[in-house]
Each structure stands twice: as structure tokens, then as C-alpha cells.
Amino acid sequence: MYYRPARPMSITRLVRFMLLVAIAVLASLIALGTVVTARAQTSPARGPVSTANDMPLSDYLGLLQQLAPAAADGTKVYLAAYRLQCGRTLSTGDLRQAMSKDGGDPVLMGLIRATQEQNTAQRTEWVRQIRCAGGMR
């Protein structure tokens, strides 16, 4: 005898679940990488090595594209909207923090989900909720 769920999981729900798992794993790996690189060697002549922006944004997005294409697409929408609304580009360090801190920035996670689902109304609503650091908006 085997277990039969009361209601079979739809393909859409399975894809959403897998996307959320991939985002959570990616955020955990990024957070772990940040913690590990924070213990970098120091130079007596120059002091601690800066690890705030150790990876160019294009490399970060390329890695994200390989690991979770839907997350990369949503992140690109987030970055473009941030640049238009705030007048500046988000740094790699800021983006990494938005991805990993406390389960991720809700606006970024919502944009990733809306982009993956190709829901333009929801995506537009999430874009309106982007807040600029320093209160520019």
C-alpha cells in the first residue's frame, strides 16, 4: 500500500515551489559566501581587504542566470526599475543583501515571481513599491 495525496500537486504549483526552493538555496549560498569572504586576509600595509563588491554585477547576474533563469529575469527587472526610479544603479553588495537578508526583499521576490509567471499587472504593482535608499523616491 502506498500514500496517495488527497489532492495531486499541479505542474504550476510544483514549478512555483521549485522556483522558491532554488531562490532560497541561492540566497543561502550567497549569504554563506559573504560570511566566508568577510574573514579575508588583511594586508598590514593596506588594512582589511574590501569584500563589499568583490564580484561585478554582470558576473553575478550571469551566475544567477545559470542557477535560476527566472530569478535572473526578475532581478534584471528590479535593477532596471531601481535605476529609473532612484537615479542610480544598485551595487552587487546591495543586490546580494536584498536577495539574502531575512528571506529576501519582498519587492524583489515578488518581482521574480511575477516575471516568472509573466504577470505584467502584478509586475507593475511590485515596481511601484520599490523604495530608494536615502529616500530619493
C-alpha atoms as a PDB file:
ATOM      1  CA  MET A   1       0.000   0.000   0.000  1.00  0.00           C
ATOM      2  CA  TYR A   2       1.323   3.466  -0.812  1.00  0.00           C
ATOM      3  CA  TYR A   3       0.429   7.018   0.163  1.00  0.00           C
ATOM      4  CA  ARG A   4      -1.896   8.924  -2.151  1.00  0.00           C
ATOM      5  CA  PRO A   5      -2.228  12.642  -1.509  1.00  0.00           C
ATOM      6  CA  ALA A   6      -5.771  13.939  -1.161  1.00  0.00           C
ATOM      7  CA  ARG A   7      -5.164  16.390  -3.993  1.00  0.00           C
ATOM      8  CA  PRO A   8      -2.416  15.929  -6.601  1.00  0.00           C
ATOM      9  CA  MET A   9       0.016  18.822  -6.997  1.00  0.00           C
ATOM     10  CA  SER A  10      -0.420  20.727 -10.243  1.00  0.00           C
ATOM     11  CA  ILE A  11       2.540  21.386 -12.508  1.00  0.00           C
ATOM     12  CA  THR A  12       2.216  25.140 -11.898  1.00  0.00           C
ATOM     13  CA  ARG A  13       2.373  24.704  -8.129  1.00  0.00           C
ATOM     14  CA  LEU A  14       5.312  22.346  -8.487  1.00  0.00           C
ATOM     15  CA  VAL A  15       7.184  24.854 -10.673  1.00  0.00           C
ATOM     16  CA  ARG A  16       6.463  27.665  -8.190  1.00  0.00           C
ATOM     17  CA  PHE A  17       7.647  25.511  -5.320  1.00  0.00           C
ATOM     18  CA  MET A  18      10.842  24.555  -7.150  1.00  0.00           C
ATOM     19  CA  LEU A  19      11.491  28.230  -8.025  1.00  0.00           C
ATOM     20  CA  LEU A  20      11.133  29.244  -4.390  1.00  0.00           C
ATOM     21  CA  VAL A  21      13.446  26.421  -3.319  1.00  0.00           C
ATOM     22  CA  ALA A  22      16.039  27.476  -5.919  1.00  0.00           C
ATOM     23  CA  ILE A  23      15.848  31.096  -4.737  1.00  0.00           C
ATOM     24  CA  ALA A  24      16.193  30.036  -1.096  1.00  0.00           C
ATOM     25  CA  VAL A  25      19.204  27.842  -1.880  1.00  0.00           C
ATOM     26  CA  LEU A  26      20.810  30.605  -3.934  1.00  0.00           C
ATOM     27  CA  ALA A  27      20.216  33.166  -1.191  1.00  0.00           C
ATOM     28  CA  SER A  28      21.729  30.800   1.371  1.00  0.00           C
ATOM     29  CA  LEU A  29      24.797  30.200  -0.793  1.00  0.00           C
ATOM     30  CA  ILE A  30      25.252  33.916  -1.341  1.00  0.00           C
ATOM     31  CA  ALA A  31      24.902  34.617   2.373  1.00  0.00           C
ATOM     32  CA  LEU A  32      27.378  31.848   3.164  1.00  0.00           C
ATOM     33  CA  GLY A  33      29.809  33.217   0.591  1.00  0.00           C
ATOM     34  CA  THR A  34      29.512  36.668   2.135  1.00  0.00           C
ATOM     35  CA  VAL A  35      30.254  35.321   5.610  1.00  0.00           C
ATOM     36  CA  VAL A  36      33.222  33.270   4.401  1.00  0.00           C
ATOM     37  CA  THR A  37      34.765  36.126   2.396  1.00  0.00           C
ATOM     38  CA  ALA A  38      34.301  38.514   5.326  1.00  0.00           C
ATOM     39  CA  ARG A  39      37.154  36.645   7.035  1.00  0.00           C
ATOM     40  CA  ALA A  40      39.561  37.501   4.234  1.00  0.00           C
ATOM     41  CA  GLN A  41      43.238  38.088   4.892  1.00  0.00           C
ATOM     42  CA  THR A  42      44.364  41.544   5.806  1.00  0.00           C
ATOM     43  CA  SER A  43      47.335  43.403   4.491  1.00  0.00           C
ATOM     44  CA  PRO A  44      49.424  45.211   7.101  1.00  0.00           C
ATOM     45  CA  ALA A  45      50.095  47.976   4.587  1.00  0.00           C
ATOM     46  CA  ARG A  46      46.503  48.491   3.411  1.00  0.00           C
ATOM     47  CA  GLY A  47      44.302  47.106   6.169  1.00  0.00           C
ATOM     48  CA  PRO A  48      41.404  44.712   5.618  1.00  0.00           C
ATOM     49  CA  VAL A  49      40.617  43.622   2.083  1.00  0.00           C
ATOM     50  CA  SER A  50      37.281  45.032   0.935  1.00  0.00           C
ATOM     51  CA  THR A  51      34.784  42.335   0.008  1.00  0.00           C
ATOM     52  CA  ALA A  52      31.726  44.590  -0.345  1.00  0.00           C
ATOM     53  CA  ASN A  53      31.674  44.461  -4.156  1.00  0.00           C
ATOM     54  CA  ASP A  54      34.052  41.635  -4.907  1.00  0.00           C
ATOM     55  CA  MET A  55      32.005  40.420  -7.889  1.00  0.00           C
ATOM     56  CA  PRO A  56      30.948  42.582 -10.836  1.00  0.00           C
ATOM     57  CA  LEU A  57      27.182  42.854 -11.246  1.00  0.00           C
ATOM     58  CA  SER A  58      27.332  41.290 -14.718  1.00  0.00           C
ATOM     59  CA  ASP A  59      29.108  38.218 -13.315  1.00  0.00           C
ATOM     60  CA  TYR A  60      26.580  37.950 -10.502  1.00  0.00           C
ATOM     61  CA  LEU A  61      23.671  38.119 -12.953  1.00  0.00           C
ATOM     62  CA  GLY A  62      25.386  35.569 -15.219  1.00  0.00           C
ATOM     63  CA  LEU A  63      25.722  33.151 -12.315  1.00  0.00           C
ATOM     64  CA  LEU A  64      22.122  33.750 -11.323  1.00  0.00           C
ATOM     65  CA  GLN A  65      21.052  33.118 -14.944  1.00  0.00           C
ATOM     66  CA  GLN A  66      22.772  29.722 -14.851  1.00  0.00           C
ATOM     67  CA  LEU A  67      21.301  28.728 -11.486  1.00  0.00           C
ATOM     68  CA  ALA A  68      17.794  30.160 -11.731  1.00  0.00           C
ATOM     69  CA  PRO A  69      16.874  31.851 -15.031  1.00  0.00           C
ATOM     70  CA  ALA A  70      13.512  33.108 -13.752  1.00  0.00           C
ATOM     71  CA  ALA A  71      15.241  34.692 -10.743  1.00  0.00           C
ATOM     72  CA  ALA A  72      17.757  36.381 -13.056  1.00  0.00           C
ATOM     73  CA  ASP A  73      14.981  37.791 -15.259  1.00  0.00           C
ATOM     74  CA  GLY A  74      13.079  39.162 -12.257  1.00  0.00           C
ATOM     75  CA  THR A  75      16.281  40.599 -10.818  1.00  0.00           C
ATOM     76  CA  LYS A  76      17.031  42.398 -14.084  1.00  0.00           C
ATOM     77  CA  VAL A  77      13.547  43.971 -13.978  1.00  0.00           C
ATOM     78  CA  TYR A  78      14.192  45.020 -10.366  1.00  0.00           C
ATOM     79  CA  LEU A  79      17.575  46.561 -11.243  1.00  0.00           C
ATOM     80  CA  ALA A  80      16.173  48.460 -14.238  1.00  0.00           C
ATOM     81  CA  ALA A  81      13.220  49.794 -12.251  1.00  0.00           C
ATOM     82  CA  TYR A  82      15.512  50.777  -9.366  1.00  0.00           C
ATOM     83  CA  ARG A  83      17.808  52.647 -11.768  1.00  0.00           C
ATOM     84  CA  LEU A  84      14.859  54.525 -13.339  1.00  0.00           C
ATOM     85  CA  GLN A  85      13.182  55.412 -10.053  1.00  0.00           C
ATOM     86  CA  CYS A  86      16.241  56.109  -7.912  1.00  0.00           C
ATOM     87  CA  GLY A  87      18.646  57.539 -10.459  1.00  0.00           C
ATOM     88  CA  ARG A  88      21.453  55.158  -9.578  1.00  0.00           C
ATOM     89  CA  THR A  89      22.468  51.562 -10.105  1.00  0.00           C
ATOM     90  CA  LEU A  90      22.216  49.127  -7.227  1.00  0.00           C
ATOM     91  CA  SER A  91      25.625  47.720  -6.272  1.00  0.00           C
ATOM     92  CA  THR A  92      26.349  43.999  -6.270  1.00  0.00           C
ATOM     93  CA  GLY A  93      26.646  44.068  -2.485  1.00  0.00           C
ATOM     94  CA  ASP A  94      23.256  45.785  -2.120  1.00  0.00           C
ATOM     95  CA  LEU A  95      21.677  43.293  -4.510  1.00  0.00           C
ATOM     96  CA  ARG A  96      23.203  40.346  -2.653  1.00  0.00           C
ATOM     97  CA  GLN A  97      21.815  41.725   0.581  1.00  0.00           C
ATOM     98  CA  ALA A  98      18.369  42.254  -0.979  1.00  0.00           C
ATOM     99  CA  MET A  99      18.438  38.618  -2.149  1.00  0.00           C
ATOM    100  CA  SER A 100      19.519  37.036   1.098  1.00  0.00           C
ATOM    101  CA  LYS A 101      18.593  39.181   4.103  1.00  0.00           C
ATOM    102  CA  ASP A 102      15.589  37.849   6.050  1.00  0.00           C
ATOM    103  CA  GLY A 103      14.370  35.662   3.184  1.00  0.00           C
ATOM    104  CA  GLY A 104      14.888  38.356   0.580  1.00  0.00           C
ATOM    105  CA  ASP A 105      13.439  41.779  -0.120  1.00  0.00           C
ATOM    106  CA  PRO A 106       9.679  41.211  -0.580  1.00  0.00           C
ATOM    107  CA  VAL A 107       9.578  43.539  -3.598  1.00  0.00           C
ATOM    108  CA  LEU A 108      12.456  41.710  -5.290  1.00  0.00           C
ATOM    109  CA  MET A 109      10.951  38.296  -4.525  1.00  0.00           C
ATOM    110  CA  GLY A 110       7.548  39.473  -5.768  1.00  0.00           C
ATOM    111  CA  LEU A 111       9.096  40.781  -8.997  1.00  0.00           C
ATOM    112  CA  ILE A 112      10.866  37.478  -9.543  1.00  0.00           C
ATOM    113  CA  ARG A 113       7.603  35.606  -9.070  1.00  0.00           C
ATOM    114  CA  ALA A 114       5.582  37.992 -11.283  1.00  0.00           C
ATOM    115  CA  THR A 115       8.220  37.875 -14.032  1.00  0.00           C
ATOM    116  CA  GLN A 116       8.326  34.079 -13.923  1.00  0.00           C
ATOM    117  CA  GLU A 117       4.517  33.959 -14.181  1.00  0.00           C
ATOM    118  CA  GLN A 118       4.564  36.644 -16.917  1.00  0.00           C
ATOM    119  CA  ASN A 119       2.012  38.642 -14.914  1.00  0.00           C
ATOM    120  CA  THR A 120       2.526  42.226 -16.121  1.00  0.00           C
ATOM    121  CA  ALA A 121      -0.107  43.749 -13.813  1.00  0.00           C
ATOM    122  CA  GLN A 122       1.484  42.204 -10.755  1.00  0.00           C
ATOM    123  CA  ARG A 123       4.952  43.128 -12.005  1.00  0.00           C
ATOM    124  CA  THR A 124       3.868  46.766 -12.446  1.00  0.00           C
ATOM    125  CA  GLU A 125       2.458  46.793  -8.917  1.00  0.00           C
ATOM    126  CA  TRP A 126       5.732  45.464  -7.477  1.00  0.00           C
ATOM    127  CA  VAL A 127       7.745  48.058  -9.434  1.00  0.00           C
ATOM    128  CA  ARG A 128       5.641  50.821  -7.853  1.00  0.00           C
ATOM    129  CA  GLN A 129       6.658  49.561  -4.416  1.00  0.00           C
ATOM    130  CA  ILE A 130      10.412  49.919  -4.964  1.00  0.00           C
ATOM    131  CA  ARG A 131      11.925  52.281  -2.399  1.00  0.00           C
ATOM    132  CA  CYS A 132      15.210  54.069  -2.899  1.00  0.00           C
ATOM    133  CA  ALA A 133      17.926  54.001  -0.278  1.00  0.00           C
ATOM    134  CA  GLY A 134      18.278  57.519   1.078  1.00  0.00           C
ATOM    135  CA  GLY A 135      14.635  58.384   0.333  1.00  0.00           C
ATOM    136  CA  MET A 136      15.041  59.635  -3.261  1.00  0.00           C
ATOM    137  CA  ARG A 137      11.573  58.495  -4.312  1.00  0.00           C
END
